[in-house]
C-alpha atoms as a PDB file:
ATOM      1  CA  MET A   1      95.064 117.056 153.553  1.00  0.00           C
ATOM      2  CA  SER A   2      94.961 118.865 150.184  1.00  0.00           C
ATOM      3  CA  ALA A   3      95.012 116.807 147.046  1.00  0.00           C
ATOM      4  CA  ILE A   4      98.343 118.427 146.280  1.00  0.00           C
ATOM      5  CA  GLY A   5     101.083 116.008 147.140  1.00  0.00           C
ATOM      6  CA  ASN A   6      98.676 113.397 148.445  1.00  0.00           C
ATOM      7  CA  PRO A   7      99.665 110.047 146.894  1.00  0.00           C
ATOM      8  CA  SER A   8      96.471 108.419 148.155  1.00  0.00           C
ATOM      9  CA  THR A   9      94.283 110.573 145.906  1.00  0.00           C
ATOM     10  CA  LYS A  10      92.648 108.282 143.360  1.00  0.00           C
ATOM     11  CA  TYR A  11      93.182 108.696 139.639  1.00  0.00           C
ATOM     12  CA  LEU A  12      90.323 110.185 137.641  1.00  0.00           C
ATOM     13  CA  SER A  13      87.647 107.514 137.203  1.00  0.00           C
ATOM     14  CA  GLY A  14      86.764 107.261 133.532  1.00  0.00           C
ATOM     15  CA  GLY A  15      90.118 108.698 132.462  1.00  0.00           C
ATOM     16  CA  THR A  16      91.094 105.651 130.384  1.00  0.00           C
ATOM     17  CA  PRO A  17      87.894 105.433 128.278  1.00  0.00           C
ATOM     18  CA  ALA A  18      87.945 109.231 127.907  1.00  0.00           C
ATOM     19  CA  ARG A  19      91.475 109.044 126.451  1.00  0.00           C
ATOM     20  CA  LEU A  20      90.375 106.295 124.064  1.00  0.00           C
ATOM     21  CA  PHE A  21      87.345 108.333 122.983  1.00  0.00           C
ATOM     22  CA  LEU A  22      89.542 111.386 122.387  1.00  0.00           C
ATOM     23  CA  SER A  23      92.063 109.343 120.385  1.00  0.00           C
ATOM     24  CA  LEU A  24      89.233 108.101 118.146  1.00  0.00           C
ATOM     25  CA  ILE A  25      88.173 111.720 117.575  1.00  0.00           C
ATOM     26  CA  VAL A  26      91.755 112.464 116.462  1.00  0.00           C
ATOM     27  CA  VAL A  27      91.708 109.476 114.076  1.00  0.00           C
ATOM     28  CA  PHE A  28      88.306 110.441 112.660  1.00  0.00           C
ATOM     29  CA  SER A  29      89.345 114.074 112.258  1.00  0.00           C
ATOM     30  CA  HIS A  30      92.666 113.344 110.573  1.00  0.00           C
ATOM     31  CA  PHE A  31      91.121 110.759 108.267  1.00  0.00           C
ATOM     32  CA  GLY A  32      88.836 113.490 106.951  1.00  0.00           C
ATOM     33  CA  SER A  33      91.493 116.206 106.674  1.00  0.00           C
ATOM     34  CA  LEU A  34      94.242 113.996 105.166  1.00  0.00           C
ATOM     35  CA  THR A  35      91.973 112.296 102.632  1.00  0.00           C
ATOM     36  CA  GLY A  36      89.891 115.380 101.849  1.00  0.00           C
ATOM     37  CA  LEU A  37      86.679 113.380 102.219  1.00  0.00           C
ATOM     38  CA  TYR A  38      85.277 115.631 104.939  1.00  0.00           C
ATOM     39  CA  ARG A  39      86.348 118.281 107.431  1.00  0.00           C
ATOM     40  CA  ASN A  40      85.493 118.326 111.118  1.00  0.00           C
ATOM     41  CA  ARG A  41      84.902 121.575 112.895  1.00  0.00           C
ATOM     42  CA  ASN A  42      85.066 122.790 116.453  1.00  0.00           C
ATOM     43  CA  LEU A  43      84.849 120.005 119.039  1.00  0.00           C
ATOM     44  CA  LEU A  44      84.807 117.064 116.615  1.00  0.00           C
ATOM     45  CA  ASP A  45      88.278 118.138 115.590  1.00  0.00           C
ATOM     46  CA  ALA A  46      91.773 116.875 116.393  1.00  0.00           C
ATOM     47  CA  ASP A  47      92.779 120.167 118.064  1.00  0.00           C
ATOM     48  CA  PHE A  48      89.974 119.831 120.599  1.00  0.00           C
ATOM     49  CA  ALA A  49      90.876 116.207 121.363  1.00  0.00           C
ATOM     50  CA  VAL A  50      94.603 116.939 121.724  1.00  0.00           C
ATOM     51  CA  GLU A  51      93.932 119.852 124.066  1.00  0.00           C
ATOM     52  CA  CYS A  52      91.723 117.598 126.202  1.00  0.00           C
ATOM     53  CA  PHE A  53      94.597 115.071 126.206  1.00  0.00           C
ATOM     54  CA  PHE A  54      96.806 117.817 127.652  1.00  0.00           C
ATOM     55  CA  ILE A  55      94.254 118.430 130.420  1.00  0.00           C
ATOM     56  CA  LEU A  56      94.220 114.721 131.287  1.00  0.00           C
ATOM     57  CA  SER A  57      98.034 114.711 131.171  1.00  0.00           C
ATOM     58  CA  GLY A  58      98.167 117.569 133.679  1.00  0.00           C
ATOM     59  CA  TYR A  59      95.878 115.593 135.989  1.00  0.00           C
ATOM     60  CA  ALA A  60      97.857 112.364 135.508  1.00  0.00           C
ATOM     61  CA  MET A  61     101.191 114.037 136.290  1.00  0.00           C
ATOM     62  CA  MET A  62      99.848 115.339 139.595  1.00  0.00           C
ATOM     63  CA  HIS A  63      98.704 111.823 140.440  1.00  0.00           C
ATOM     64  CA  SER A  64     101.999 110.240 139.363  1.00  0.00           C
ATOM     65  CA  TYR A  65     104.451 112.785 140.766  1.00  0.00           C
ATOM     66  CA  ALA A  66     102.756 112.801 144.168  1.00  0.00           C
ATOM     67  CA  LYS A  67     103.976 109.211 144.578  1.00  0.00           C
ATOM     68  CA  PHE A  68     107.557 110.116 143.613  1.00  0.00           C
ATOM     69  CA  PHE A  69     107.765 113.465 145.394  1.00  0.00           C
ATOM     70  CA  ARG A  70     108.463 112.233 148.934  1.00  0.00           C
ATOM     71  CA  GLU A  71     110.925 109.530 147.887  1.00  0.00           C
ATOM     72  CA  LYS A  72     114.661 110.086 147.867  1.00  0.00           C
ATOM     73  CA  GLY A  73     115.697 110.021 144.222  1.00  0.00           C
ATOM     74  CA  GLY A  74     112.065 110.549 143.254  1.00  0.00           C
ATOM     75  CA  ASN A  75     112.804 113.242 140.656  1.00  0.00           C
ATOM     76  CA  THR A  76     115.274 111.005 138.839  1.00  0.00           C
ATOM     77  CA  ALA A  77     112.874 108.059 138.935  1.00  0.00           C
ATOM     78  CA  PHE A  78     110.051 110.275 137.645  1.00  0.00           C
ATOM     79  CA  TYR A  79     112.108 111.451 134.657  1.00  0.00           C
ATOM     80  CA  VAL A  80     113.342 107.936 133.877  1.00  0.00           C
ATOM     81  CA  GLN A  81     109.766 106.683 133.697  1.00  0.00           C
ATOM     82  CA  ARG A  82     108.624 109.602 131.542  1.00  0.00           C
ATOM     83  CA  PHE A  83     111.673 109.262 129.248  1.00  0.00           C
ATOM     84  CA  TYR A  84     110.908 105.608 128.539  1.00  0.00           C
ATOM     85  CA  ARG A  85     107.200 106.328 128.139  1.00  0.00           C
ATOM     86  CA  ILE A  86     107.703 108.998 125.465  1.00  0.00           C
ATOM     87  CA  VAL A  87     111.229 109.155 124.027  1.00  0.00           C
ATOM     88  CA  VAL A  88     112.069 105.435 123.874  1.00  0.00           C
ATOM     89  CA  THR A  89     108.611 104.569 122.496  1.00  0.00           C
ATOM     90  CA  VAL A  90     108.922 107.256 119.806  1.00  0.00           C
ATOM     91  CA  PHE A  91     112.431 105.999 118.955  1.00  0.00           C
ATOM     92  CA  PHE A  92     111.092 102.542 118.074  1.00  0.00           C
ATOM     93  CA  LEU A  93     108.176 104.103 116.191  1.00  0.00           C
ATOM     94  CA  VAL A  94     110.537 106.193 114.040  1.00  0.00           C
ATOM     95  CA  VAL A  95     112.723 103.139 113.309  1.00  0.00           C
ATOM     96  CA  LEU A  96     109.632 101.227 112.160  1.00  0.00           C
ATOM     97  CA  GLN A  97     108.444 104.170 110.063  1.00  0.00           C
ATOM     98  CA  VAL A  98     111.787 104.498 108.288  1.00  0.00           C
ATOM     99  CA  ALA A  99     111.904 100.761 107.549  1.00  0.00           C
ATOM    100  CA  ILE A 100     108.295 100.332 106.418  1.00  0.00           C
ATOM    101  CA  MET A 101     108.048 103.539 104.400  1.00  0.00           C
ATOM    102  CA  PHE A 102     110.888 102.392 102.135  1.00  0.00           C
ATOM    103  CA  SER A 103     108.380  99.985 100.575  1.00  0.00           C
ATOM    104  CA  LEU A 104     106.172 102.973  99.646  1.00  0.00           C
ATOM    105  CA  SER A 105     108.949 105.249  98.418  1.00  0.00           C
ATOM    106  CA  ALA A 106     109.162 106.181  94.743  1.00  0.00           C
ATOM    107  CA  PHE A 107     112.957 106.342  95.084  1.00  0.00           C
ATOM    108  CA  SER A 108     115.590 103.627  94.842  1.00  0.00           C
ATOM    109  CA  TRP A 109     117.322 102.406  97.971  1.00  0.00           C
ATOM    110  CA  ARG A 110     120.355 104.553  97.127  1.00  0.00           C
ATOM    111  CA  GLN A 111     118.182 107.675  96.963  1.00  0.00           C
ATOM    112  CA  TYR A 112     116.133 106.697 100.015  1.00  0.00           C
ATOM    113  CA  PHE A 113     118.952 105.844 102.421  1.00  0.00           C
ATOM    114  CA  GLY A 114     120.792 109.149 102.367  1.00  0.00           C
ATOM    115  CA  LYS A 115     121.166 112.495 104.114  1.00  0.00           C
ATOM    116  CA  ASP A 116     117.451 113.324 104.017  1.00  0.00           C
ATOM    117  CA  LEU A 117     116.595 110.067 105.776  1.00  0.00           C
ATOM    118  CA  LEU A 118     119.210 110.717 108.469  1.00  0.00           C
ATOM    119  CA  ALA A 119     117.861 114.247 108.934  1.00  0.00           C
ATOM    120  CA  TYR A 120     114.344 112.821 109.355  1.00  0.00           C
ATOM    121  CA  PHE A 121     115.524 110.108 111.730  1.00  0.00           C
ATOM    122  CA  PHE A 122     117.463 112.361 114.101  1.00  0.00           C
ATOM    123  CA  ALA A 123     114.895 115.183 114.025  1.00  0.00           C
ATOM    124  CA  ASN A 124     112.083 112.798 114.950  1.00  0.00           C
ATOM    125  CA  ILE A 125     113.830 110.699 117.615  1.00  0.00           C
ATOM    126  CA  SER A 126     114.828 113.972 119.308  1.00  0.00           C
ATOM    127  CA  LEU A 127     111.139 115.043 119.194  1.00  0.00           C
ATOM    128  CA  LEU A 128     112.000 117.978 116.906  1.00  0.00           C
ATOM    129  CA  ASN A 129     109.945 116.637 114.022  1.00  0.00           C
ATOM    130  CA  PHE A 130     109.168 120.134 112.725  1.00  0.00           C
ATOM    131  CA  LEU A 131     112.771 120.205 111.429  1.00  0.00           C
ATOM    132  CA  LYS A 132     112.118 117.325 109.009  1.00  0.00           C
ATOM    133  CA  GLN A 133     108.680 115.758 108.502  1.00  0.00           C
ATOM    134  CA  THR A 134     109.087 113.939 105.181  1.00  0.00           C
ATOM    135  CA  LEU A 135     110.963 110.885 103.940  1.00  0.00           C
ATOM    136  CA  PRO A 136     112.583 110.658 100.481  1.00  0.00           C
ATOM    137  CA  GLY A 137     110.051 109.720  97.798  1.00  0.00           C
ATOM    138  CA  VAL A 138     107.272 108.892 100.268  1.00  0.00           C
ATOM    139  CA  PHE A 139     103.658 110.065  99.701  1.00  0.00           C
ATOM    140  CA  LEU A 140     104.628 112.247  96.737  1.00  0.00           C
ATOM    141  CA  GLN A 141     101.097 112.017  95.271  1.00  0.00           C
ATOM    142  CA  ASN A 142      99.341 112.801  98.566  1.00  0.00           C
ATOM    143  CA  ALA A 143      98.059 116.280  99.360  1.00  0.00           C
ATOM    144  CA  SER A 144     100.488 116.264 102.315  1.00  0.00           C
ATOM    145  CA  GLN A 145     103.818 114.436 102.344  1.00  0.00           C
ATOM    146  CA  VAL A 146     104.180 114.589 106.149  1.00  0.00           C
ATOM    147  CA  VAL A 147     104.874 111.067 107.430  1.00  0.00           C
ATOM    148  CA  ASN A 148     103.584 111.506 110.983  1.00  0.00           C
ATOM    149  CA  GLY A 149     102.241 114.935 111.862  1.00  0.00           C
ATOM    150  CA  SER A 150     100.948 113.761 115.244  1.00  0.00           C
ATOM    151  CA  LEU A 151     104.458 113.663 116.726  1.00  0.00           C
ATOM    152  CA  TRP A 152     104.478 117.439 117.302  1.00  0.00           C
ATOM    153  CA  THR A 153     102.711 116.894 120.632  1.00  0.00           C
ATOM    154  CA  MET A 154     105.525 114.699 121.968  1.00  0.00           C
ATOM    155  CA  LYS A 155     107.932 117.626 122.364  1.00  0.00           C
ATOM    156  CA  VAL A 156     105.157 119.624 124.066  1.00  0.00           C
ATOM    157  CA  GLU A 157     104.577 116.751 126.509  1.00  0.00           C
ATOM    158  CA  MET A 158     108.292 116.334 127.281  1.00  0.00           C
ATOM    159  CA  SER A 159     108.743 120.089 127.721  1.00  0.00           C
ATOM    160  CA  TYR A 160     105.870 120.032 130.193  1.00  0.00           C
ATOM    161  CA  TYR A 161     107.477 117.137 132.086  1.00  0.00           C
ATOM    162  CA  LEU A 162     110.723 119.114 132.381  1.00  0.00           C
ATOM    163  CA  LEU A 163     108.835 122.106 133.749  1.00  0.00           C
ATOM    164  CA  PHE A 164     106.464 120.089 135.929  1.00  0.00           C
ATOM    165  CA  PRO A 165     108.492 119.862 139.198  1.00  0.00           C
ATOM    166  CA  LEU A 166     108.702 123.670 139.256  1.00  0.00           C
ATOM    167  CA  LEU A 167     104.952 123.968 138.706  1.00  0.00           C
ATOM    168  CA  TYR A 168     104.322 121.316 141.349  1.00  0.00           C
ATOM    169  CA  PHE A 169     106.537 123.170 143.836  1.00  0.00           C
ATOM    170  CA  ALA A 170     104.724 126.465 143.150  1.00  0.00           C
ATOM    171  CA  MET A 171     101.351 124.751 143.538  1.00  0.00           C
ATOM    172  CA  GLN A 172     102.428 123.255 146.848  1.00  0.00           C
ATOM    173  CA  ARG A 173     103.196 126.731 148.137  1.00  0.00           C
ATOM    174  CA  LYS A 174     100.047 128.464 146.868  1.00  0.00           C
ATOM    175  CA  TYR A 175      97.792 127.093 144.136  1.00  0.00           C
ATOM    176  CA  ILE A 176      96.700 130.615 143.137  1.00  0.00           C
ATOM    177  CA  TRP A 177      99.993 130.811 141.206  1.00  0.00           C
ATOM    178  CA  MET A 178      98.544 128.267 138.796  1.00  0.00           C
ATOM    179  CA  PHE A 179      95.851 130.737 137.792  1.00  0.00           C
ATOM    180  CA  VAL A 180      98.593 133.287 137.073  1.00  0.00           C
ATOM    181  CA  VAL A 181     100.416 130.753 134.872  1.00  0.00           C
ATOM    182  CA  LEU A 182      97.136 129.846 133.169  1.00  0.00           C
ATOM    183  CA  ALA A 183      96.348 133.501 132.405  1.00  0.00           C
ATOM    184  CA  ALA A 184      99.885 134.138 131.093  1.00  0.00           C
ATOM    185  CA  SER A 185      99.636 131.089 128.814  1.00  0.00           C
ATOM    186  CA  VAL A 186      96.278 132.212 127.401  1.00  0.00           C
ATOM    187  CA  CYS A 187      97.703 135.695 126.709  1.00  0.00           C
ATOM    188  CA  TYR A 188     100.721 134.159 124.937  1.00  0.00           C
ATOM    189  CA  ARG A 189      98.428 132.022 122.745  1.00  0.00           C
ATOM    190  CA  VAL A 190      96.094 134.898 121.868  1.00  0.00           C
ATOM    191  CA  PHE A 191      98.856 137.385 121.037  1.00  0.00           C
ATOM    192  CA  LEU A 192     100.774 134.972 118.778  1.00  0.00           C
ATOM    193  CA  ALA A 193      97.823 133.147 117.198  1.00  0.00           C
ATOM    194  CA  ASP A 194      97.689 135.298 114.046  1.00  0.00           C
ATOM    195  CA  ALA A 195     101.254 136.578 113.673  1.00  0.00           C
ATOM    196  CA  HIS A 196     103.104 133.368 114.624  1.00  0.00           C
ATOM    197  CA  PRO A 197     100.646 130.430 114.665  1.00  0.00           C
ATOM    198  CA  THR A 198     103.397 127.779 114.895  1.00  0.00           C
ATOM    199  CA  LEU A 199     104.943 129.440 117.947  1.00  0.00           C
ATOM    200  CA  SER A 200     101.510 129.840 119.536  1.00  0.00           C
ATOM    201  CA  TYR A 201     101.101 126.048 119.501  1.00  0.00           C
ATOM    202  CA  GLN A 202     104.308 125.367 121.458  1.00  0.00           C
ATOM    203  CA  LEU A 203     104.372 124.696 125.210  1.00  0.00           C
ATOM    204  CA  PRO A 204     103.795 128.284 126.451  1.00  0.00           C
ATOM    205  CA  GLY A 205     100.629 128.412 124.348  1.00  0.00           C
ATOM    206  CA  GLN A 206      99.474 124.936 125.458  1.00  0.00           C
ATOM    207  CA  LEU A 207     100.460 125.227 129.099  1.00  0.00           C
ATOM    208  CA  TYR A 208      97.059 126.449 130.230  1.00  0.00           C
ATOM    209  CA  TYR A 209      95.536 123.077 129.353  1.00  0.00           C
ATOM    210  CA  PHE A 210      98.112 121.192 131.448  1.00  0.00           C
ATOM    211  CA  VAL A 211      97.623 123.669 134.305  1.00  0.00           C
ATOM    212  CA  ALA A 212      93.852 123.233 134.032  1.00  0.00           C
ATOM    213  CA  GLY A 213      94.410 119.499 134.531  1.00  0.00           C
ATOM    214  CA  MET A 214      96.601 120.170 137.573  1.00  0.00           C
ATOM    215  CA  LEU A 215      93.886 122.370 139.054  1.00  0.00           C
ATOM    216  CA  LEU A 216      91.323 119.653 138.343  1.00  0.00           C
ATOM    217  CA  TYR A 217      93.431 117.280 140.431  1.00  0.00           C
ATOM    218  CA  HIS A 218      93.595 119.829 143.242  1.00  0.00           C
ATOM    219  CA  PHE A 219      89.859 120.485 143.335  1.00  0.00           C
ATOM    220  CA  HIS A 220      88.686 117.009 142.435  1.00  0.00           C
ATOM    221  CA  SER A 221      88.998 115.876 146.045  1.00  0.00           C
ATOM    222  CA  ARG A 222      86.242 118.345 146.932  1.00  0.00           C
ATOM    223  CA  GLU A 223      82.661 117.195 146.932  1.00  0.00           C
ATOM    224  CA  PHE A 224      81.102 118.311 143.648  1.00  0.00           C
ATOM    225  CA  SER A 225      77.814 117.133 142.191  1.00  0.00           C
ATOM    226  CA  HIS A 226      78.818 114.759 139.409  1.00  0.00           C
ATOM    227  CA  TRP A 227      75.528 115.096 137.565  1.00  0.00           C
ATOM    228  CA  LEU A 228      75.730 118.909 137.669  1.00  0.00           C
ATOM    229  CA  VAL A 229      79.301 118.916 136.314  1.00  0.00           C
ATOM    230  CA  THR A 230      78.259 116.417 133.624  1.00  0.00           C
ATOM    231  CA  VAL A 231      75.255 118.512 132.568  1.00  0.00           C
ATOM    232  CA  PHE A 232      77.283 121.728 132.319  1.00  0.00           C
ATOM    233  CA  GLY A 233      80.111 119.905 130.507  1.00  0.00           C
ATOM    234  CA  LEU A 234      77.684 118.498 127.927  1.00  0.00           C
ATOM    235  CA  ILE A 235      76.030 121.908 127.493  1.00  0.00           C
ATOM    236  CA  PHE A 236      79.414 123.452 126.718  1.00  0.00           C
ATOM    237  CA  PHE A 237      80.257 120.531 124.414  1.00  0.00           C
ATOM    238  CA  VAL A 238      77.072 121.086 122.376  1.00  0.00           C
ATOM    239  CA  LYS A 239      77.419 124.874 122.445  1.00  0.00           C
ATOM    240  CA  ASN A 240      81.052 124.796 121.332  1.00  0.00           C
ATOM    241  CA  SER A 241      80.323 122.166 118.679  1.00  0.00           C
ATOM    242  CA  ILE A 242      77.691 124.365 117.057  1.00  0.00           C
ATOM    243  CA  TRP A 243      79.001 127.896 117.604  1.00  0.00           C
ATOM    244  CA  GLY A 244      82.687 127.299 118.195  1.00  0.00           C
ATOM    245  CA  TYR A 245      84.877 128.542 121.010  1.00  0.00           C
ATOM    246  CA  SER A 246      87.707 130.966 121.735  1.00  0.00           C
ATOM    247  CA  PHE A 247      91.074 130.202 123.332  1.00  0.00           C
ATOM    248  CA  LEU A 248      89.898 131.953 126.486  1.00  0.00           C
ATOM    249  CA  GLU A 249      86.714 129.900 126.692  1.00  0.00           C
ATOM    250  CA  SER A 250      88.513 126.619 126.113  1.00  0.00           C
ATOM    251  CA  ALA A 251      90.673 127.081 129.208  1.00  0.00           C
ATOM    252  CA  PHE A 252      87.538 126.946 131.348  1.00  0.00           C
ATOM    253  CA  THR A 253      85.027 124.907 129.324  1.00  0.00           C
ATOM    254  CA  PHE A 254      87.308 122.060 128.213  1.00  0.00           C
ATOM    255  CA  PRO A 255      87.995 120.865 131.794  1.00  0.00           C
ATOM    256  CA  LEU A 256      84.238 120.639 132.377  1.00  0.00           C
ATOM    257  CA  ILE A 257      83.839 118.738 129.097  1.00  0.00           C
ATOM    258  CA  VAL A 258      86.637 116.355 130.148  1.00  0.00           C
ATOM    259  CA  LEU A 259      84.883 115.745 133.478  1.00  0.00           C
ATOM    260  CA  ALA A 260      81.593 115.129 131.657  1.00  0.00           C
ATOM    261  CA  PHE A 261      83.306 112.527 129.451  1.00  0.00           C
ATOM    262  CA  THR A 262      84.993 110.802 132.396  1.00  0.00           C
ATOM    263  CA  ASN A 263      81.752 110.745 134.416  1.00  0.00           C
ATOM    264  CA  LEU A 264      79.747 109.277 131.544  1.00  0.00           C
ATOM    265  CA  LEU A 265      82.416 106.740 130.563  1.00  0.00           C
ATOM    266  CA  SER A 266      83.487 105.684 134.063  1.00  0.00           C
ATOM    267  CA  PRO A 267      81.506 102.376 133.909  1.00  0.00           C
ATOM    268  CA  LEU A 268      83.952 101.271 131.178  1.00  0.00           C
ATOM    269  CA  ASP A 269      87.023 102.230 133.196  1.00  0.00           C
ATOM    270  CA  LYS A 270      87.715  98.895 134.863  1.00  0.00           C
ATOM    271  CA  TRP A 271      87.646  96.886 131.628  1.00  0.00           C
ATOM    272  CA  LEU A 272      89.519  99.394 129.466  1.00  0.00           C
ATOM    273  CA  LYS A 273      92.388  99.913 131.915  1.00  0.00           C
ATOM    274  CA  ALA A 274      93.798  96.611 130.696  1.00  0.00           C
ATOM    275  CA  HIS A 275      93.127  97.579 127.051  1.00  0.00           C
ATOM    276  CA  ASP A 276      94.241 101.199 126.827  1.00  0.00           C
ATOM    277  CA  TYR A 277      95.169 101.686 123.182  1.00  0.00           C
ATOM    278  CA  SER A 278      94.758 105.474 123.188  1.00  0.00           C
ATOM    279  CA  PHE A 279      98.482 106.321 123.016  1.00  0.00           C
ATOM    280  CA  THR A 280      99.211 103.706 120.365  1.00  0.00           C
ATOM    281  CA  LEU A 281      96.241 104.764 118.224  1.00  0.00           C
ATOM    282  CA  TYR A 282      97.441 108.328 118.431  1.00  0.00           C
ATOM    283  CA  LEU A 283     101.006 107.460 117.416  1.00  0.00           C
ATOM    284  CA  LEU A 284     100.128 105.153 114.501  1.00  0.00           C
ATOM    285  CA  HIS A 285      97.054 106.610 112.847  1.00  0.00           C
ATOM    286  CA  TRP A 286      98.655 109.381 110.748  1.00  0.00           C
ATOM    287  CA  PRO A 287     101.141 107.251 108.721  1.00  0.00           C
ATOM    288  CA  ILE A 288      98.479 104.556 108.261  1.00  0.00           C
ATOM    289  CA  ILE A 289      95.966 107.071 106.869  1.00  0.00           C
ATOM    290  CA  GLN A 290      98.675 108.496 104.616  1.00  0.00           C
ATOM    291  CA  SER A 291      99.432 104.963 103.401  1.00  0.00           C
ATOM    292  CA  ALA A 292      95.715 104.417 102.690  1.00  0.00           C
ATOM    293  CA  ASN A 293      95.782 107.606 100.632  1.00  0.00           C
ATOM    294  CA  HIS A 294      98.823 106.417  98.693  1.00  0.00           C
ATOM    295  CA  LEU A 295      97.580 102.887  98.032  1.00  0.00           C
ATOM    296  CA  PHE A 296      93.826 103.338  97.611  1.00  0.00           C
ATOM    297  CA  LEU A 297      92.259 106.779  97.882  1.00  0.00           C
ATOM    298  CA  ASN A 298      94.506 108.458  95.311  1.00  0.00           C
ATOM    299  CA  GLN A 299      93.179 105.870  92.846  1.00  0.00           C
ATOM    300  CA  GLY A 300      89.585 106.632  93.842  1.00  0.00           C
ATOM    301  CA  ASN A 301      89.125 103.447  95.883  1.00  0.00           C
ATOM    302  CA  ILE A 302      87.401 104.951  98.933  1.00  0.00           C
ATOM    303  CA  PRO A 303      86.025 101.652 100.402  1.00  0.00           C
ATOM    304  CA  GLY A 304      89.473 100.073 100.066  1.00  0.00           C
ATOM    305  CA  GLY A 305      91.071 103.028 101.856  1.00  0.00           C
ATOM    306  CA  ILE A 306      88.582 102.864 104.713  1.00  0.00           C
ATOM    307  CA  ILE A 307      88.937  99.090 105.139  1.00  0.00           C
ATOM    308  CA  PHE A 308      92.752  99.332 104.938  1.00  0.00           C
ATOM    309  CA  THR A 309      92.826 102.073 107.596  1.00  0.00           C
ATOM    310  CA  ILE A 310      90.591 100.175 110.025  1.00  0.00           C
ATOM    311  CA  CYS A 311      92.296  96.796 109.606  1.00  0.00           C
ATOM    312  CA  VAL A 312      95.897  98.040 109.648  1.00  0.00           C
ATOM    313  CA  LEU A 313      95.270 100.472 112.492  1.00  0.00           C
ATOM    314  CA  ALA A 314      93.612  97.771 114.614  1.00  0.00           C
ATOM    315  CA  THR A 315      96.312  95.172 113.897  1.00  0.00           C
ATOM    316  CA  GLY A 316      99.192  97.632 114.146  1.00  0.00           C
ATOM    317  CA  SER A 317      97.907  99.075 117.421  1.00  0.00           C
ATOM    318  CA  PHE A 318      97.605  95.625 118.968  1.00  0.00           C
ATOM    319  CA  LEU A 319     101.139  94.636 117.933  1.00  0.00           C
ATOM    320  CA  PHE A 320     102.762  97.993 118.741  1.00  0.00           C
ATOM    321  CA  LYS A 321     101.183  98.128 122.193  1.00  0.00           C
ATOM    322  CA  LYS A 322     102.145  94.556 123.019  1.00  0.00           C
ATOM    323  CA  TYR A 323     105.720  94.596 121.739  1.00  0.00           C
ATOM    324  CA  VAL A 324     106.752  98.249 122.011  1.00  0.00           C
ATOM    325  CA  GLU A 325     104.583 100.429 124.263  1.00  0.00           C
ATOM    326  CA  ASP A 326     104.102  97.833 127.009  1.00  0.00           C
ATOM    327  CA  ALA A 327     107.773  96.819 126.823  1.00  0.00           C
ATOM    328  CA  THR A 328     109.099 100.384 127.118  1.00  0.00           C
ATOM    329  CA  THR A 329     106.644 101.209 129.910  1.00  0.00           C
ATOM    330  CA  THR A 330     107.674  98.093 131.849  1.00  0.00           C
ATOM    331  CA  ALA A 331     111.370  98.856 131.322  1.00  0.00           C
ATOM    332  CA  GLY A 332     110.842 102.430 132.526  1.00  0.00           C
ATOM    333  CA  LYS A 333     109.047 101.278 135.656  1.00  0.00           C
ATOM    334  CA  SER A 334     111.711  98.679 136.372  1.00  0.00           C
ATOM    335  CA  LEU A 335     114.542 101.188 136.017  1.00  0.00           C
ATOM    336  CA  SER A 336     112.607 103.715 138.120  1.00  0.00           C
ATOM    337  CA  MET A 337     112.258 101.118 140.864  1.00  0.00           C
ATOM    338  CA  ARG A 338     115.991 100.479 140.717  1.00  0.00           C
ATOM    339  CA  VAL A 339     116.679 104.201 141.111  1.00  0.00           C
ATOM    340  CA  LEU A 340     114.399 104.368 144.145  1.00  0.00           C
ATOM    341  CA  ARG A 341     115.892 101.237 145.691  1.00  0.00           C
ATOM    342  CA  LYS A 342     119.355 102.651 145.272  1.00  0.00           C
ATOM    343  CA  ASN A 343     118.329 105.877 147.023  1.00  0.00           C
ATOM    344  CA  ASN A 344     116.097 104.386 149.713  1.00  0.00           C
ATOM    345  CA  SER A 345     117.585 101.781 152.009  1.00  0.00           C
ATOM    346  CA  ALA A 346     114.151 100.529 152.980  1.00  0.00           C
ATOM    347  CA  ALA A 347     113.458  99.740 149.311  1.00  0.00           C
ATOM    348  CA  LYS A 348     109.681  99.907 149.837  1.00  0.00           C
ATOM    349  CA  ALA A 349     108.851 102.527 147.225  1.00  0.00           C
ATOM    350  CA  THR A 350     105.927 101.816 144.903  1.00  0.00           C
ATOM    351  CA  ILE A 351     106.049 102.826 141.246  1.00  0.00           C
ATOM    352  CA  PRO A 352     102.877 104.569 140.062  1.00  0.00           C
ATOM    353  CA  SER A 353     100.968 103.190 137.136  1.00  0.00           C
END
């Protein structure tokens, strides 16, 4: 049986530590760019890490949806789980941001709690953070006043989830269609990159990474030499780090780099599955770095800014994962199970992790 639609296909070994490694690259990259202390280039850059996240997301959705696909009510259960994973988690994050950032605002409470705050709140909980990225009086002395620039990827992820069943259906019929979608996405990105860079970064211009992950899932059941894939992936990683890469190259080299990371980090997979802080680190790091700028780095206290970032990010990630991310994920799984039980009299459906 093909890996497409096969719920018994195992998830990518090393996927969890690879996600954590990529999230740390994002943190390291944004710390440099937001503070101005250094600037990463090429593969030690947030763009590279985010695009590899999209590849892993494409793989993960194939693994997850295969378990929902054959169940009655599976589509509804799938969307419920994804909604809680992304939208509900982001909702609580935005509430916390609005509350905590008041303490850093240069404005009075009357100026802070007004129309601009409401615009920020509703734009961000609806994943349309590009409509309003700043809060009243917050980070006025920073080079950037954006409260949490990392949230732009959430709307890309949710847009992909909405489109995914159609892509899955097309891939079930003939996987060659995925190469057509991949090529169309690359063309979209290349043509709009200079004239409309913001548009080029939306889902049509990111779709080829998700599709690459879906194709990885399809071909991963084949017998490939792990050491050969790892060697080629590392060669491309070094080459791209030194000389850079084009959009076209990244569609084909990034999946190999992702496989190299997962192969090398797979020994850590078992332990880190219970301690996967990659999503939480990604969500929290930007406002924490901005706060470090505001409180320490703008006054020239670089050691204080570094220590603040590490300590608050570690503590905040632990608390946010325990009380928000884990809670919303559990609630989403529970509600998904209820949907499946309601639609399947046997009530033996298993919710994917």
